Amino acid sequence: MSGRTELIPAQTPASGLPVQRVNLEVSAGPDAGTTVSSSAEKLTLGTAPGNDLVLTDTTVSRFHAELVRERGGYRVKDLGSTNGTRVDHVRVQDAYVADGSTLTFGGTTVRFSLVATRDVLPLHPEPHFGGLVGESAVMRALFAQLARLAATDATVLVEGESGTGKELVAEALHQASPRASGPFVVVDCGSIPSELVESELFGHEKGAFTGATHERRGAFEAASGGTLFLDELGELPLAVQPKLLRALERRQVKRVGADGYRSVDVRFVAATHRDLREAVNRGQFREDLYFRLAVGMVRVPPLRAHLEDLPHLLEHLWAETFRSLGLPPRPFTAPSPETLHQLSTLPWRGNVRELRNFVERSVALSGALDASFLQAASVPAASAGAPTVRVELPYKEAKEAWLAHFEETYLRQRLAASGGNVSQMAREAEVDRAHVIKLLRKHAVR
């Protein structure tokens, strides 16, 4: 084998997606003899009652570790536990496990083994669901899961890396639900100042605080009869979380400054790129709120997990870009095999959002999928060097291209210097946090 990553067409099994089943058997510790068998994409272990493998060992954390199924096999990830996770006696933070591996969580030992038989996940009949597209089996399995959830009124928690399309998932759930004719209200918890979050969610009465010159209904009331989507829920201040929990359980909200509660009729969807179980272990997120959210769990795969969808995604984003820019539609010309290969070898840290940015740059600056923009998408701008001034472009377009390079370079270096802490980055840059978040999303920096 050459070691090259080749882009292969999506090939979807007609009957469904075969997935590996695994066994977890507790071989030592207070729960010795306990066994769990599952083909779920993600399995969690810990002492909290909602884990897939619930342990009673007091040396095990509430959410101790998780096992995730990927193309390369199963990976175990420690969730910030107190006493650590070991694979075959080696302490790890994140590592692949093999058939027969011994996993140690605190004072408990678990044997990991693969089951010979495989389960089959149903696939959606179409290569799209709402605004989501994908011909691969992994995406069509996701669409089938979303179709089942859309028919219910269950609360859904959407997990996934930045740029994977979590808001599109929420919108697709709404559009396919019986609430489709009602409002779809989006609240970005990461872009609201902490002192205004409660008012944004629940509303306020006139005179409730300085600047409250008139009454205002919050997002829960605005979404009544439809769906409320809270993006980046992991950024929600701890002080507001009990009030959100009450609103979810009783479907009642109290405006800031009000005496009584108001009933609301909403379907609730939340999303986060953070691991809320780690936040629970650190005391930054309420465990009861997490369980109330995790009724329907959806994990959106990163782009690197379904690269066979690249040709389909490029064609979709091409048409969408011309519409969004108000340009006359132009027939899509498939990129060359060399360009597709280049695209398939990129890390795509920003996922589909980064792919969209590549298509938009190509359309705006050259009118075609231009391989000259691939390096900008593949490496941090700080190490890519300054771009060539494109004197063949109109002054405004050339200036915008240079400005985009500056913004991306500055953001990546500042974010790295702050250890990934967006709030610290905003303070050091002397820029409003909400504006920083918009810039990070614009340039698919995370």
Protein backbone atom coordinates (compact mmCIF):
# COMPACT_ATOMS: atom_id res chain seq x y z
CA MET A 1 0.00 0.00 0.00
CA SER A 2 1.20 3.52 -0.81
CA GLY A 3 -0.27 5.10 2.34
CA ARG A 4 -2.19 7.64 0.23
CA THR A 5 -5.78 8.47 1.14
CA GLU A 6 -7.87 7.75 -1.95
CA LEU A 7 -11.29 9.28 -2.46
CA ILE A 8 -13.73 6.48 -3.25
CA PRO A 9 -17.36 6.87 -4.36
CA ALA A 10 -20.04 6.40 -1.75
CA GLN A 11 -21.22 2.78 -1.73
CA THR A 12 -24.29 2.22 0.38
CA PRO A 13 -25.43 -1.30 1.34
CA ALA A 14 -28.95 -1.86 0.10
CA SER A 15 -30.21 -3.41 3.32
CA GLY A 16 -28.52 -1.10 5.81
CA LEU A 17 -25.23 -0.26 7.46
CA PRO A 18 -23.51 -3.21 9.22
CA VAL A 19 -22.00 -2.14 12.55
CA GLN A 20 -19.76 -3.97 14.98
CA ARG A 21 -21.20 -5.20 18.29
CA VAL A 22 -18.93 -5.26 21.33
CA ASN A 23 -18.99 -6.79 24.81
CA LEU A 24 -17.84 -5.06 27.98
CA GLU A 25 -17.36 -7.52 30.84
CA VAL A 26 -16.35 -6.36 34.32
CA SER A 27 -13.62 -8.81 35.36
CA ALA A 28 -12.48 -7.17 38.61
CA GLY A 29 -14.00 -4.71 41.05
CA PRO A 30 -17.28 -4.40 42.98
CA ASP A 31 -19.32 -5.09 39.83
CA ALA A 32 -17.41 -8.18 38.64
CA GLY A 33 -19.56 -10.29 36.33
CA THR A 34 -21.59 -7.40 34.94
CA THR A 35 -21.71 -7.48 31.12
CA VAL A 36 -22.97 -5.02 28.53
CA SER A 37 -23.32 -5.88 24.83
CA SER A 38 -24.05 -3.09 22.36
CA SER A 39 -23.53 -1.82 18.83
CA ALA A 40 -24.11 1.84 19.77
CA GLU A 41 -21.75 4.37 18.23
CA LYS A 42 -20.86 5.69 21.69
CA LEU A 43 -20.83 3.88 25.04
CA THR A 44 -20.22 5.64 28.35
CA LEU A 45 -18.99 4.18 31.61
CA GLY A 46 -19.28 5.63 35.10
CA THR A 47 -21.28 5.70 38.33
CA ALA A 48 -24.04 8.04 37.06
CA PRO A 49 -27.26 6.09 36.37
CA GLY A 50 -27.49 7.17 32.72
CA ASN A 51 -24.26 5.48 31.61
CA ASP A 52 -24.35 2.44 29.35
CA LEU A 53 -22.19 0.55 31.86
CA VAL A 54 -23.12 1.71 35.36
CA LEU A 55 -20.51 0.95 38.00
CA THR A 56 -20.71 1.19 41.79
CA ASP A 57 -16.96 1.50 42.39
CA THR A 58 -16.34 4.68 44.42
CA THR A 59 -12.99 5.20 42.63
CA VAL A 60 -14.88 5.62 39.34
CA SER A 61 -16.11 9.09 38.29
CA ARG A 62 -19.72 9.97 37.45
CA PHE A 63 -18.88 10.00 33.73
CA HIS A 64 -15.53 8.26 33.68
CA ALA A 65 -14.86 7.34 30.05
CA GLU A 66 -16.48 6.65 26.71
CA LEU A 67 -15.95 4.19 23.88
CA VAL A 68 -16.56 5.53 20.37
CA ARG A 69 -16.88 3.47 17.20
CA GLU A 70 -14.95 4.91 14.24
CA ARG A 71 -13.78 3.63 10.90
CA GLY A 72 -10.43 2.66 12.36
CA GLY A 73 -12.03 0.73 15.21
CA TYR A 74 -13.05 1.63 18.77
CA ARG A 75 -11.42 4.41 20.77
CA VAL A 76 -11.56 4.94 24.51
CA LYS A 77 -11.50 8.51 25.81
CA ASP A 78 -11.12 9.56 29.43
CA LEU A 79 -13.72 12.18 30.38
CA GLY A 80 -11.61 14.06 32.90
CA SER A 81 -11.97 11.34 35.51
CA THR A 82 -10.39 11.58 38.96
CA ASN A 83 -8.43 8.31 38.86
CA GLY A 84 -7.73 7.95 35.16
CA THR A 85 -8.23 5.35 32.43
CA ARG A 86 -5.78 2.60 31.43
CA VAL A 87 -5.57 0.36 28.38
CA ASP A 88 -3.56 -2.82 29.02
CA HIS A 89 -2.06 -1.15 32.12
CA VAL A 90 -0.96 2.02 30.26
CA ARG A 91 -2.66 5.25 31.32
CA VAL A 92 -4.26 7.00 28.34
CA GLN A 93 -6.34 10.06 27.57
CA ASP A 94 -7.51 8.95 24.13
CA ALA A 95 -6.46 5.67 22.47
CA TYR A 96 -7.62 2.87 20.20
CA VAL A 97 -8.47 -0.46 21.83
CA ALA A 98 -8.08 -3.94 20.37
CA ASP A 99 -10.15 -7.07 20.72
CA GLY A 100 -9.33 -8.55 24.14
CA SER A 101 -7.92 -5.32 25.59
CA THR A 102 -8.08 -4.84 29.35
CA LEU A 103 -9.53 -1.46 30.35
CA THR A 104 -9.07 -0.12 33.86
CA PHE A 105 -11.26 2.62 35.33
CA GLY A 106 -10.23 3.52 38.87
CA GLY A 107 -10.30 0.18 40.73
CA THR A 108 -12.47 -1.60 38.14
CA THR A 109 -11.18 -3.76 35.30
CA VAL A 110 -13.25 -4.33 32.15
CA ARG A 111 -12.49 -6.71 29.29
CA PHE A 112 -13.26 -5.34 25.81
CA SER A 113 -14.13 -7.85 23.08
CA LEU A 114 -15.64 -7.83 19.60
CA VAL A 115 -18.72 -9.94 18.85
CA ALA A 116 -18.71 -12.05 15.70
CA THR A 117 -22.22 -11.03 14.61
CA ARG A 118 -22.95 -7.52 13.36
CA ASP A 119 -26.05 -5.41 13.73
CA VAL A 120 -27.54 -3.53 10.78
CA LEU A 121 -28.62 0.11 11.03
CA PRO A 122 -31.50 1.22 8.79
CA LEU A 123 -30.66 3.78 6.11
CA HIS A 124 -32.70 6.72 4.90
CA PRO A 125 -33.98 6.10 1.35
CA GLU A 126 -32.78 9.51 0.08
CA PRO A 127 -29.28 11.07 0.11
CA HIS A 128 -30.61 14.15 1.87
CA PHE A 129 -32.69 15.19 4.87
CA GLY A 130 -33.78 18.81 5.05
CA GLY A 131 -30.70 20.90 4.27
CA LEU A 132 -28.33 18.00 4.98
CA VAL A 133 -26.83 16.04 2.09
CA GLY A 134 -24.76 12.88 1.87
CA GLU A 135 -24.79 9.65 -0.11
CA SER A 136 -22.55 7.70 2.29
CA ALA A 137 -23.94 5.01 4.54
CA VAL A 138 -22.89 6.88 7.68
CA MET A 139 -24.86 9.98 6.66
CA ARG A 140 -27.92 8.05 5.50
CA ALA A 141 -27.92 6.20 8.84
CA LEU A 142 -27.91 9.63 10.50
CA PHE A 143 -30.82 10.76 8.31
CA ALA A 144 -32.80 7.64 9.28
CA GLN A 145 -32.22 8.42 12.97
CA LEU A 146 -33.32 12.03 12.44
CA ALA A 147 -36.46 10.93 10.61
CA ARG A 148 -37.43 8.75 13.58
CA LEU A 149 -36.79 11.56 16.08
CA ALA A 150 -38.59 14.16 13.98
CA ALA A 151 -41.85 12.26 14.30
CA THR A 152 -41.71 12.61 18.10
CA ASP A 153 -41.67 15.57 20.45
CA ALA A 154 -38.60 14.28 22.33
CA THR A 155 -35.87 16.64 23.44
CA VAL A 156 -32.76 16.14 21.31
CA LEU A 157 -29.10 16.84 22.12
CA VAL A 158 -26.92 17.19 19.01
CA GLU A 159 -23.20 16.60 19.46
CA GLY A 160 -20.48 17.24 16.91
CA GLU A 161 -17.39 19.22 16.10
CA SER A 162 -17.61 22.85 15.01
CA GLY A 163 -18.70 23.19 11.40
CA THR A 164 -20.44 19.81 11.06
CA GLY A 165 -23.89 21.35 10.56
CA LYS A 166 -25.58 21.01 13.95
CA GLU A 167 -27.96 23.90 13.25
CA LEU A 168 -28.95 22.24 9.96
CA VAL A 169 -29.75 19.09 11.97
CA ALA A 170 -32.01 21.08 14.31
CA GLU A 171 -33.73 22.82 11.42
CA ALA A 172 -34.23 19.52 9.58
CA LEU A 173 -35.80 17.99 12.71
CA HIS A 174 -38.19 20.95 12.88
CA GLN A 175 -39.10 20.88 9.18
CA ALA A 176 -39.88 17.15 9.27
CA SER A 177 -41.91 17.35 12.49
CA PRO A 178 -45.61 18.02 13.13
CA ARG A 179 -44.46 21.47 14.33
CA ALA A 180 -43.12 22.48 10.91
CA SER A 181 -45.73 25.24 10.50
CA GLY A 182 -44.68 26.80 13.84
CA PRO A 183 -41.67 29.03 14.53
CA PHE A 184 -38.07 27.83 14.55
CA VAL A 185 -36.16 30.01 17.03
CA VAL A 186 -32.37 29.90 17.36
CA VAL A 187 -30.42 31.11 20.40
CA ASP A 188 -26.61 31.04 20.33
CA CYS A 189 -25.64 30.68 23.99
CA GLY A 190 -21.99 31.41 23.20
CA SER A 191 -22.66 34.88 21.80
CA ILE A 192 -24.87 36.30 24.56
CA PRO A 193 -23.32 38.20 27.50
CA SER A 194 -23.85 36.09 30.64
CA GLU A 195 -25.89 38.81 32.36
CA LEU A 196 -28.41 38.83 29.48
CA VAL A 197 -28.89 35.08 28.99
CA GLU A 198 -31.86 34.78 31.35
CA SER A 199 -33.68 37.66 29.67
CA GLU A 200 -32.89 36.23 26.22
CA LEU A 201 -34.37 32.85 27.13
CA PHE A 202 -37.29 33.78 29.38
CA GLY A 203 -37.98 37.45 28.64
CA HIS A 204 -38.37 40.33 31.09
CA GLU A 205 -40.93 42.78 32.41
CA LYS A 206 -40.72 46.53 32.02
CA GLY A 207 -38.45 47.99 34.70
CA ALA A 208 -36.98 44.60 35.67
CA PHE A 209 -33.48 46.04 35.37
CA THR A 210 -31.70 49.14 34.11
CA GLY A 211 -32.45 49.50 30.41
CA ALA A 212 -35.63 47.39 30.48
CA THR A 213 -37.82 50.16 29.12
CA HIS A 214 -40.51 47.79 27.86
CA GLU A 215 -41.60 44.20 28.40
CA ARG A 216 -40.02 41.57 26.17
CA ARG A 217 -40.90 37.96 25.54
CA GLY A 218 -38.01 35.50 25.54
CA ALA A 219 -37.03 32.72 23.17
CA PHE A 220 -39.26 30.13 24.89
CA GLU A 221 -42.36 32.24 24.36
CA ALA A 222 -41.31 33.18 20.82
CA ALA A 223 -40.91 29.49 19.94
CA SER A 224 -44.26 28.40 21.40
CA GLY A 225 -45.97 26.07 18.94
CA GLY A 226 -42.66 25.32 17.25
CA THR A 227 -39.06 24.43 18.02
CA LEU A 228 -36.47 26.18 20.18
CA PHE A 229 -32.86 25.47 19.26
CA LEU A 230 -30.14 26.36 21.76
CA ASP A 231 -26.77 26.28 20.05
CA GLU A 232 -23.52 25.88 22.03
CA LEU A 233 -25.44 24.95 25.16
CA GLY A 234 -22.18 24.11 26.90
CA GLU A 235 -21.55 27.87 27.23
CA LEU A 236 -24.71 28.40 29.32
CA PRO A 237 -23.85 29.97 32.70
CA LEU A 238 -24.22 27.59 35.64
CA ALA A 239 -26.56 30.03 37.44
CA VAL A 240 -29.12 29.85 34.62
CA GLN A 241 -29.10 26.06 34.28
CA PRO A 242 -31.64 25.31 37.09
CA LYS A 243 -34.14 27.68 35.45
CA LEU A 244 -33.63 26.00 32.08
CA LEU A 245 -34.16 22.61 33.72
CA ARG A 246 -37.48 23.77 35.22
CA ALA A 247 -38.59 25.16 31.85
CA LEU A 248 -37.84 21.82 30.18
CA GLU A 249 -39.56 19.73 32.82
CA ARG A 250 -42.68 21.85 33.35
CA ARG A 251 -42.85 23.79 30.08
CA GLN A 252 -43.23 26.96 32.14
CA VAL A 253 -41.09 30.10 32.18
CA LYS A 254 -40.90 33.15 34.40
CA ARG A 255 -39.86 36.44 32.88
CA VAL A 256 -37.18 38.43 34.72
CA GLY A 257 -39.04 40.69 37.15
CA ALA A 258 -42.32 38.75 36.89
CA ASP A 259 -44.23 37.13 39.76
CA GLY A 260 -45.83 34.22 37.94
CA TYR A 261 -45.03 31.57 35.34
CA ARG A 262 -46.25 31.36 31.75
CA SER A 263 -46.93 28.09 29.98
CA VAL A 264 -45.10 27.42 26.71
CA ASP A 265 -45.49 24.68 24.10
CA VAL A 266 -42.07 24.04 22.57
CA ARG A 267 -40.02 21.22 21.14
CA PHE A 268 -36.48 21.60 22.46
CA VAL A 269 -33.26 20.87 20.55
CA ALA A 270 -29.79 21.72 21.88
CA ALA A 271 -26.32 21.41 20.39
CA THR A 272 -22.76 21.56 21.63
CA HIS A 273 -19.24 20.89 20.39
CA ARG A 274 -18.11 20.41 24.01
CA ASP A 275 -18.44 17.14 25.90
CA LEU A 276 -21.07 17.93 28.52
CA ARG A 277 -20.13 14.86 30.56
CA GLU A 278 -16.64 16.26 31.06
CA ALA A 279 -18.29 19.52 32.11
CA VAL A 280 -20.42 17.57 34.61
CA ASN A 281 -17.28 16.01 36.10
CA ARG A 282 -15.72 19.47 36.47
CA GLY A 283 -18.85 20.90 38.10
CA GLN A 284 -19.49 23.25 35.17
CA PHE A 285 -22.72 21.63 33.98
CA ARG A 286 -25.60 20.17 35.99
CA GLU A 287 -25.95 16.41 35.80
CA ASP A 288 -29.76 16.51 36.05
CA LEU A 289 -29.91 18.99 33.17
CA TYR A 290 -27.66 16.78 31.06
CA PHE A 291 -29.94 13.76 31.55
CA ARG A 292 -33.00 15.88 30.77
CA LEU A 293 -31.38 16.93 27.48
CA ALA A 294 -29.99 13.56 26.46
CA VAL A 295 -33.35 11.96 25.65
CA GLY A 296 -32.54 11.75 21.96
CA MET A 297 -28.79 11.77 21.30
CA VAL A 298 -27.53 12.64 17.83
CA ARG A 299 -23.85 12.64 16.90
CA VAL A 300 -23.01 14.41 13.63
CA PRO A 301 -19.91 12.83 12.06
CA PRO A 302 -16.93 15.01 11.11
CA LEU A 303 -16.23 15.45 7.42
CA ARG A 304 -13.16 13.19 7.62
CA ALA A 305 -15.51 10.31 8.54
CA HIS A 306 -17.41 10.50 5.22
CA LEU A 307 -14.97 11.86 2.64
CA GLU A 308 -16.72 9.81 -0.04
CA ASP A 309 -19.44 12.49 0.13
CA LEU A 310 -17.07 15.20 -1.13
CA PRO A 311 -18.25 15.17 -4.78
CA HIS A 312 -21.91 15.36 -3.71
CA LEU A 313 -21.18 18.08 -1.14
CA LEU A 314 -19.15 20.15 -3.60
CA GLU A 315 -21.98 20.10 -6.13
CA HIS A 316 -24.53 21.03 -3.45
CA LEU A 317 -22.39 23.86 -2.03
CA TRP A 318 -21.62 25.14 -5.54
CA ALA A 319 -25.30 25.70 -6.32
CA GLU A 320 -25.98 27.06 -2.83
CA THR A 321 -23.10 29.57 -3.09
CA PHE A 322 -24.37 31.06 -6.35
CA ARG A 323 -27.83 31.45 -4.78
CA SER A 324 -26.49 33.05 -1.60
CA LEU A 325 -24.29 35.50 -3.54
CA GLY A 326 -27.17 36.46 -5.84
CA LEU A 327 -25.27 35.30 -8.93
CA PRO A 328 -26.80 33.65 -12.01
CA PRO A 329 -26.50 29.87 -11.62
CA ARG A 330 -23.59 28.23 -13.37
CA PRO A 331 -23.36 24.53 -14.28
CA PHE A 332 -21.21 22.52 -11.92
CA THR A 333 -18.03 21.08 -13.35
CA ALA A 334 -16.66 18.21 -11.33
CA PRO A 335 -13.10 18.85 -10.10
CA SER A 336 -10.27 16.82 -11.54
CA PRO A 337 -9.20 13.57 -9.84
CA GLU A 338 -6.04 15.38 -8.69
CA THR A 339 -8.07 18.13 -7.00
CA LEU A 340 -10.40 15.57 -5.40
CA HIS A 341 -7.39 13.69 -4.09
CA GLN A 342 -5.97 16.91 -2.63
CA LEU A 343 -9.29 17.60 -0.95
CA SER A 344 -9.47 14.09 0.48
CA THR A 345 -6.06 14.41 2.16
CA LEU A 346 -6.86 17.65 4.03
CA PRO A 347 -7.64 17.50 7.78
CA TRP A 348 -10.81 19.64 7.45
CA ARG A 349 -10.61 20.95 10.99
CA GLY A 350 -13.57 23.22 10.22
CA ASN A 351 -15.54 20.35 8.61
CA VAL A 352 -18.32 21.24 6.15
CA ARG A 353 -18.13 24.92 7.13
CA GLU A 354 -14.50 24.96 6.00
CA LEU A 355 -15.45 23.17 2.78
CA ARG A 356 -18.14 25.80 2.21
CA ASN A 357 -15.56 28.56 2.68
CA PHE A 358 -13.33 26.91 0.09
CA VAL A 359 -16.19 26.79 -2.43
CA GLU A 360 -17.18 30.40 -1.71
CA ARG A 361 -13.59 31.62 -2.14
CA SER A 362 -13.32 29.73 -5.41
CA VAL A 363 -16.59 31.14 -6.73
CA ALA A 364 -15.89 34.72 -5.61
CA LEU A 365 -12.29 34.92 -6.75
CA SER A 366 -12.06 32.66 -9.80
CA GLY A 367 -15.55 31.41 -10.70
CA ALA A 368 -14.41 27.79 -10.49
CA LEU A 369 -13.20 25.26 -7.93
CA ASP A 370 -9.66 26.56 -7.80
CA ALA A 371 -6.94 24.26 -6.46
CA SER A 372 -4.86 27.32 -5.56
CA PHE A 373 -7.10 27.76 -2.53
CA LEU A 374 -6.49 24.24 -1.21
CA GLN A 375 -3.39 25.10 0.82
CA ALA A 376 -5.24 27.86 2.64
CA ALA A 377 -7.81 25.29 3.67
CA SER A 378 -5.29 22.64 4.68
CA VAL A 379 -2.89 24.43 7.02
CA PRO A 380 -3.15 27.18 9.61
CA ALA A 381 -2.70 30.53 7.92
CA ALA A 382 0.07 31.39 10.37
CA SER A 383 2.34 28.81 8.70
CA ALA A 384 1.07 29.15 5.15
CA GLY A 385 2.79 32.45 4.45
CA ALA A 386 1.21 35.65 3.17
CA PRO A 387 -0.92 35.28 0.03
CA THR A 388 0.08 36.80 -3.27
CA VAL A 389 -1.69 40.05 -4.01
CA ARG A 390 -3.99 39.17 -6.88
CA VAL A 391 -3.58 42.20 -9.08
CA GLU A 392 -5.74 40.64 -11.79
CA LEU A 393 -8.75 41.12 -9.48
CA PRO A 394 -10.67 44.35 -8.93
CA TYR A 395 -9.23 46.38 -6.02
CA LYS A 396 -12.13 45.58 -3.68
CA GLU A 397 -11.94 41.82 -4.23
CA ALA A 398 -8.14 41.72 -3.88
CA LYS A 399 -8.38 43.72 -0.64
CA GLU A 400 -11.05 41.39 0.75
CA ALA A 401 -8.88 38.34 0.00
CA TRP A 402 -5.92 39.91 1.81
CA LEU A 403 -8.11 40.95 4.76
CA ALA A 404 -9.48 37.40 5.05
CA HIS A 405 -5.90 36.10 5.30
CA PHE A 406 -5.09 38.62 8.04
CA GLU A 407 -8.22 37.76 10.04
CA GLU A 408 -7.63 34.02 9.87
CA THR A 409 -3.92 34.35 10.78
CA TYR A 410 -4.68 36.64 13.73
CA LEU A 411 -7.51 34.43 15.01
CA ARG A 412 -5.50 31.20 14.88
CA GLN A 413 -2.50 32.69 16.67
CA ARG A 414 -4.61 34.43 19.33
CA LEU A 415 -6.71 31.31 19.96
CA ALA A 416 -3.59 29.15 20.29
CA ALA A 417 -1.99 31.66 22.68
CA SER A 418 -5.08 31.57 24.91
CA GLY A 419 -5.15 27.78 24.99
CA GLY A 420 -8.44 27.70 23.08
CA ASN A 421 -10.24 29.90 25.64
CA VAL A 422 -12.45 32.20 23.53
CA SER A 423 -13.33 34.52 26.43
CA GLN A 424 -9.66 35.04 27.29
CA MET A 425 -8.86 35.53 23.61
CA ALA A 426 -11.53 38.23 23.29
CA ARG A 427 -10.23 40.06 26.37
CA GLU A 428 -6.63 40.01 25.15
CA ALA A 429 -7.64 41.11 21.66
CA GLU A 430 -9.89 43.83 23.13
CA VAL A 431 -12.75 42.69 20.91
CA ASP A 432 -16.32 41.86 21.94
CA ARG A 433 -16.68 38.11 22.53
CA ALA A 434 -19.75 37.82 20.29
CA HIS A 435 -17.82 39.39 17.40
CA VAL A 436 -14.88 37.04 18.01
CA ILE A 437 -17.22 34.04 17.80
CA LYS A 438 -18.63 35.31 14.48
CA LEU A 439 -15.10 35.69 13.08
CA LEU A 440 -14.08 32.23 14.29
CA ARG A 441 -17.07 30.70 12.54
CA LYS A 442 -16.53 32.78 9.41
CA HIS A 443 -13.01 31.38 9.04
CA ALA A 444 -13.77 27.90 10.43
CA VAL A 445 -11.21 28.36 13.20
CA ARG A 446 -11.62 26.20 16.30
